[in-house]
Amino acid sequence: MNMSVWPAPAKLNLFLHITGRRADGYHELQTVFQFLDYADELRCTLRHDGSINLAALLPNVAPEHNLVTRAARLLQTETATTLGADIELTKRIPIGGGLGGGSSDAATALVALNQIWGLNLPLDELARLGLHLGADVPVFVYGHAAWAEGVGERLTPISLDEPWYVVVAPPCAVSTQAIFSSPDLTRDTKPITIADFLAGKGVNDCATLVCRRYPEVAEALHWLEKFAKARMTGTGGCVFATFEDEARARFIAQQFAKEHSAAWQVFAARGMNRSPLHRFATKM
């Protein structure tokens, strides 16, 4: 049937510094990306008529505007392939929470269709295409934990511990555009080095502003702080804390779920320096 299922993993920003603002309005930043073994799935079936059909139930997002469809059509256009695909997207990653779900879905579409269509484009070329879809797409294409600068596209592979995380998604939708356009956002943080980060430096420059505007994020951080240092990923609103072992992480996640309504999402996941997408691709 030429059908395969591909993972699109979540990511965490282990810190996020805004170091400046460019003339085009984009922000210069520093961050570290690490993947999670918690993922959306793309089920891809080869078509020979060039049609791209996406089955996905996402609120307020038409299939033609979904990043998966856009990635597939961009790859078609760039390579002039006559092949197509039926793609079924299963969402697990909370939408708009700073976990990179949309960018990861787009990257997985590029990597999967590059293989399914027999295009054999190198990762550098797929990452170049991915940057047209979003600043976070290249890190998912390359599939390695990374130190990132620029708008997030200048990547340096980094080796990190792979602990367990408890991740909480508050019942609120944080607007990335609103946070980055706010006059109250810190935009002049002094750059640090990778050595500084590994020594424990680095915060999330967006967290104070987000907590002020979204009290649910502040509530989640306060709850997790009872057990471990809690941080926010990206522009939020997901927050996370680090634990050394799976049993402890799953226990804390269960406790959070017991104390909060079903409107809150919580899960435990292992940090990964190599994306499960590329672990899967090498087995194909």
Protein backbone atom coordinates (compact mmCIF):
# COMPACT_ATOMS: atom_id res chain seq x y z
CA MET A 1 0.00 0.00 0.00
CA ASN A 2 3.07 2.28 0.18
CA MET A 3 1.79 3.59 3.53
CA SER A 4 3.94 4.49 6.53
CA VAL A 5 3.53 6.26 9.88
CA TRP A 6 6.01 8.98 10.85
CA PRO A 7 6.53 10.67 14.25
CA ALA A 8 6.53 14.47 14.62
CA PRO A 9 8.02 15.06 18.09
CA ALA A 10 7.48 17.95 20.48
CA LYS A 11 10.39 20.14 21.57
CA LEU A 12 11.28 22.21 24.58
CA ASN A 13 13.12 25.52 24.69
CA LEU A 14 15.37 24.98 27.70
CA PHE A 15 15.89 28.75 27.85
CA LEU A 16 15.01 31.70 25.60
CA HIS A 17 16.85 35.00 25.45
CA ILE A 18 15.77 37.87 23.22
CA THR A 19 18.99 39.70 22.37
CA GLY A 20 17.76 42.24 19.82
CA ARG A 21 15.24 43.20 17.18
CA ARG A 22 16.06 43.37 13.47
CA ALA A 23 14.99 46.05 11.04
CA ASP A 24 12.48 43.61 9.47
CA GLY A 25 10.74 43.16 12.81
CA TYR A 26 12.06 39.69 13.57
CA HIS A 27 13.78 39.10 16.90
CA GLU A 28 17.33 37.92 17.45
CA LEU A 29 17.40 35.18 20.06
CA GLN A 30 19.37 32.48 21.78
CA THR A 31 17.82 29.20 22.83
CA VAL A 32 18.43 25.48 23.22
CA PHE A 33 16.08 22.96 21.62
CA GLN A 34 15.64 19.45 22.96
CA PHE A 35 13.15 16.90 21.64
CA LEU A 36 10.62 14.83 23.59
CA ASP A 37 9.51 11.26 23.05
CA TYR A 38 5.98 12.65 22.74
CA ALA A 39 4.82 13.17 19.20
CA ASP A 40 2.12 13.78 16.64
CA GLU A 41 1.88 11.18 13.87
CA LEU A 42 1.67 11.51 10.09
CA ARG A 43 0.27 8.53 8.22
CA CYS A 44 1.41 8.90 4.60
CA THR A 45 0.17 6.95 1.58
CA LEU A 46 1.77 7.43 -1.84
CA ARG A 47 -0.37 8.76 -4.69
CA HIS A 48 0.65 8.82 -8.36
CA ASP A 49 -1.70 11.62 -9.48
CA GLY A 50 0.06 14.52 -7.75
CA SER A 51 -2.82 15.18 -5.36
CA ILE A 52 -2.11 16.21 -1.75
CA ASN A 53 -4.96 15.30 0.60
CA LEU A 54 -4.73 16.00 4.34
CA ALA A 55 -7.09 14.50 6.89
CA ALA A 56 -6.78 16.46 10.13
CA LEU A 57 -9.31 17.81 12.57
CA LEU A 58 -7.72 21.05 13.79
CA PRO A 59 -9.91 23.87 15.10
CA ASN A 60 -10.02 26.95 12.87
CA VAL A 61 -7.37 25.59 10.46
CA ALA A 62 -8.45 24.61 6.95
CA PRO A 63 -6.46 21.66 5.52
CA GLU A 64 -5.01 23.85 2.75
CA HIS A 65 -3.57 26.23 5.36
CA ASN A 66 -2.11 23.51 7.56
CA LEU A 67 1.70 23.51 7.64
CA VAL A 68 1.71 19.85 6.55
CA THR A 69 -0.11 20.68 3.32
CA ARG A 70 2.06 23.74 2.76
CA ALA A 71 5.22 21.69 3.30
CA ALA A 72 4.09 18.98 0.88
CA ARG A 73 3.18 21.47 -1.84
CA LEU A 74 6.41 23.41 -1.36
CA LEU A 75 8.40 20.20 -1.80
CA GLN A 76 6.38 19.34 -4.91
CA THR A 77 7.00 22.76 -6.41
CA GLU A 78 10.73 22.79 -5.66
CA THR A 79 11.32 19.33 -7.13
CA ALA A 80 8.67 19.26 -9.88
CA THR A 81 7.64 15.79 -8.79
CA THR A 82 4.40 14.40 -10.22
CA LEU A 83 3.77 12.28 -7.13
CA GLY A 84 1.34 13.08 -4.35
CA ALA A 85 0.16 11.70 -1.02
CA ASP A 86 -2.77 11.10 1.28
CA ILE A 87 -1.72 12.28 4.74
CA GLU A 88 -3.56 11.69 7.98
CA LEU A 89 -2.39 13.85 10.88
CA THR A 90 -3.00 12.65 14.42
CA LYS A 91 -2.46 15.43 16.96
CA ARG A 92 -1.15 14.75 20.45
CA ILE A 93 0.99 17.85 21.00
CA PRO A 94 -1.02 20.74 22.51
CA ILE A 95 -1.69 23.42 19.89
CA GLY A 96 -0.11 26.83 20.45
CA GLY A 97 1.73 25.84 23.61
CA GLY A 98 5.34 26.50 22.61
CA LEU A 99 6.09 22.82 21.95
CA GLY A 100 6.60 23.28 18.20
CA GLY A 101 3.85 20.93 17.05
CA GLY A 102 3.06 22.73 13.79
CA SER A 103 6.72 23.16 12.88
CA SER A 104 7.43 19.54 13.72
CA ASP A 105 4.51 18.37 11.58
CA ALA A 106 5.89 20.40 8.66
CA ALA A 107 9.40 19.01 9.12
CA THR A 108 8.12 15.44 9.29
CA ALA A 109 6.14 16.01 6.10
CA LEU A 110 9.30 17.20 4.34
CA VAL A 111 11.46 14.31 5.61
CA ALA A 112 8.81 11.65 5.01
CA LEU A 113 7.78 12.77 1.52
CA ASN A 114 11.41 13.26 0.49
CA GLN A 115 11.85 9.54 1.18
CA ILE A 116 8.45 8.31 -0.04
CA TRP A 117 8.79 10.22 -3.31
CA GLY A 118 12.40 9.08 -3.78
CA LEU A 119 13.69 12.65 -4.07
CA ASN A 120 16.86 12.10 -1.99
CA LEU A 121 17.30 15.78 -1.14
CA PRO A 122 19.97 16.35 1.55
CA LEU A 123 18.89 17.60 4.97
CA ASP A 124 20.44 21.01 4.29
CA GLU A 125 18.08 21.50 1.36
CA LEU A 126 15.06 20.32 3.35
CA ALA A 127 16.01 22.69 6.16
CA ARG A 128 16.28 25.56 3.66
CA LEU A 129 12.77 24.82 2.46
CA GLY A 130 11.55 24.44 6.02
CA LEU A 131 12.72 27.91 6.95
CA HIS A 132 10.11 29.29 4.53
CA LEU A 133 7.46 27.62 6.70
CA GLY A 134 8.72 28.67 10.12
CA ALA A 135 11.86 29.51 12.08
CA ASP A 136 11.62 26.31 14.16
CA VAL A 137 11.22 23.93 11.21
CA PRO A 138 14.97 23.46 10.45
CA VAL A 139 15.81 22.08 13.90
CA PHE A 140 13.14 19.39 13.44
CA VAL A 141 14.49 18.61 9.96
CA TYR A 142 18.04 18.13 11.24
CA GLY A 143 16.82 16.14 14.23
CA HIS A 144 19.53 16.95 16.77
CA ALA A 145 19.28 18.87 20.03
CA ALA A 146 20.75 22.24 19.23
CA TRP A 147 21.94 25.62 20.42
CA ALA A 148 20.13 28.16 18.23
CA GLU A 149 20.77 31.81 17.37
CA GLY A 150 19.51 34.31 14.79
CA VAL A 151 15.75 33.84 14.52
CA GLY A 152 16.35 30.24 15.56
CA GLU A 153 17.80 29.03 12.27
CA ARG A 154 21.54 29.13 13.12
CA LEU A 155 21.99 25.76 14.76
CA THR A 156 24.88 24.13 16.60
CA PRO A 157 24.37 20.50 17.70
CA ILE A 158 24.65 20.10 21.46
CA SER A 159 24.87 17.06 23.73
CA LEU A 160 22.62 17.24 26.79
CA ASP A 161 21.44 15.00 29.58
CA GLU A 162 18.20 13.23 28.64
CA PRO A 163 16.05 13.54 31.77
CA TRP A 164 12.33 13.02 32.21
CA TYR A 165 10.07 16.05 32.02
CA VAL A 166 6.61 16.82 33.29
CA VAL A 167 4.92 19.14 30.80
CA VAL A 168 1.76 21.09 31.61
CA ALA A 169 -0.42 22.82 29.01
CA PRO A 170 -2.65 25.42 30.70
CA PRO A 171 -6.16 26.03 29.30
CA CYS A 172 -5.25 29.24 27.53
CA ALA A 173 -4.03 30.20 24.06
CA VAL A 174 -0.94 32.40 24.21
CA SER A 175 -0.50 34.63 21.16
CA THR A 176 3.14 34.53 20.05
CA GLN A 177 2.57 37.60 17.89
CA ALA A 178 1.14 39.54 20.82
CA ILE A 179 4.05 38.62 23.08
CA PHE A 180 6.73 39.50 20.53
CA SER A 181 5.01 42.80 19.65
CA SER A 182 4.54 43.90 23.25
CA PRO A 183 6.52 46.99 24.30
CA ASP A 184 7.03 45.30 27.68
CA LEU A 185 9.07 42.41 26.25
CA THR A 186 12.76 42.36 27.19
CA ARG A 187 14.75 42.67 23.97
CA ASP A 188 18.26 43.52 25.10
CA THR A 189 19.44 40.50 27.06
CA LYS A 190 23.21 40.14 26.92
CA PRO A 191 24.20 37.09 24.83
CA ILE A 192 25.61 34.09 26.67
CA THR A 193 27.75 31.19 25.49
CA ILE A 194 27.05 27.48 25.31
CA ALA A 195 29.42 27.06 28.27
CA ASP A 196 27.36 29.59 30.22
CA PHE A 197 24.19 27.61 29.53
CA LEU A 198 25.79 24.31 30.50
CA ALA A 199 26.88 25.98 33.74
CA GLY A 200 23.27 26.77 34.57
CA LYS A 201 22.68 30.22 33.10
CA GLY A 202 19.69 31.13 30.97
CA VAL A 203 16.06 32.10 31.58
CA ASN A 204 12.98 32.63 29.44
CA ASP A 205 12.68 36.33 28.66
CA CYS A 206 9.02 35.89 27.72
CA ALA A 207 7.92 34.24 30.96
CA THR A 208 7.30 37.33 33.10
CA LEU A 209 5.16 38.99 30.44
CA VAL A 210 3.23 35.79 29.68
CA CYS A 211 2.53 35.13 33.37
CA ARG A 212 1.24 38.68 33.76
CA ARG A 213 -1.16 38.28 30.85
CA TYR A 214 -2.08 34.63 31.38
CA PRO A 215 -2.51 33.76 35.07
CA GLU A 216 -3.00 30.08 34.20
CA VAL A 217 0.65 29.93 33.12
CA ALA A 218 1.74 31.47 36.40
CA GLU A 219 -0.43 28.95 38.26
CA ALA A 220 1.17 26.01 36.45
CA LEU A 221 4.68 27.29 37.16
CA HIS A 222 3.84 27.81 40.83
CA TRP A 223 2.43 24.27 41.15
CA LEU A 224 5.44 22.60 39.50
CA GLU A 225 7.88 24.66 41.58
CA LYS A 226 6.79 22.63 44.60
CA PHE A 227 8.66 19.67 43.12
CA ALA A 228 11.44 21.02 40.87
CA LYS A 229 12.62 24.11 39.03
CA ALA A 230 9.85 25.02 36.58
CA ARG A 231 10.28 26.82 33.29
CA MET A 232 8.18 27.93 30.34
CA THR A 233 8.94 26.78 26.80
CA GLY A 234 8.98 29.24 23.91
CA THR A 235 6.36 31.94 24.27
CA GLY A 236 4.20 29.53 26.25
CA GLY A 237 1.89 28.63 27.57
CA CYS A 238 3.33 25.13 28.24
CA VAL A 239 5.58 24.85 31.27
CA PHE A 240 7.86 22.02 32.34
CA ALA A 241 10.07 20.68 35.11
CA THR A 242 12.92 18.16 35.06
CA PHE A 243 13.05 14.84 36.93
CA GLU A 244 15.74 12.18 37.02
CA ASP A 245 13.54 9.13 36.60
CA GLU A 246 10.37 8.09 34.83
CA ALA A 247 8.49 6.90 37.91
CA ARG A 248 8.83 10.26 39.67
CA ALA A 249 7.83 12.21 36.55
CA ARG A 250 4.75 10.06 35.96
CA PHE A 251 3.74 10.33 39.61
CA ILE A 252 3.95 14.14 39.52
CA ALA A 253 1.97 14.23 36.26
CA GLN A 254 -0.72 12.04 37.82
CA GLN A 255 -0.89 14.29 40.88
CA PHE A 256 -1.33 17.35 38.70
CA ALA A 257 -4.12 15.65 36.74
CA LYS A 258 -5.93 14.72 39.97
CA GLU A 259 -5.87 18.31 41.23
CA HIS A 260 -6.92 20.02 37.98
CA SER A 261 -9.81 19.81 35.57
CA ALA A 262 -9.69 18.05 32.22
CA ALA A 263 -9.18 21.46 30.57
CA TRP A 264 -5.53 21.20 31.64
CA GLN A 265 -3.24 18.82 29.75
CA VAL A 266 -0.28 17.16 31.45
CA PHE A 267 2.14 14.43 30.40
CA ALA A 268 5.51 12.94 31.26
CA ALA A 269 8.08 12.49 28.50
CA ARG A 270 11.77 11.67 28.08
CA GLY A 271 14.13 14.29 26.70
CA MET A 272 15.90 13.20 23.51
CA ASN A 273 19.00 14.58 21.80
CA ARG A 274 18.19 12.69 18.61
CA SER A 275 14.72 13.12 17.20
CA PRO A 276 12.55 10.00 17.02
CA LEU A 277 11.79 11.09 13.45
CA HIS A 278 15.34 10.32 12.37
CA ARG A 279 15.52 7.15 14.43
CA PHE A 280 12.47 6.03 12.45
CA ALA A 281 13.81 7.22 9.08
CA THR A 282 17.04 5.24 9.41
CA LYS A 283 15.02 2.04 9.90
CA MET A 284 13.04 2.49 6.68
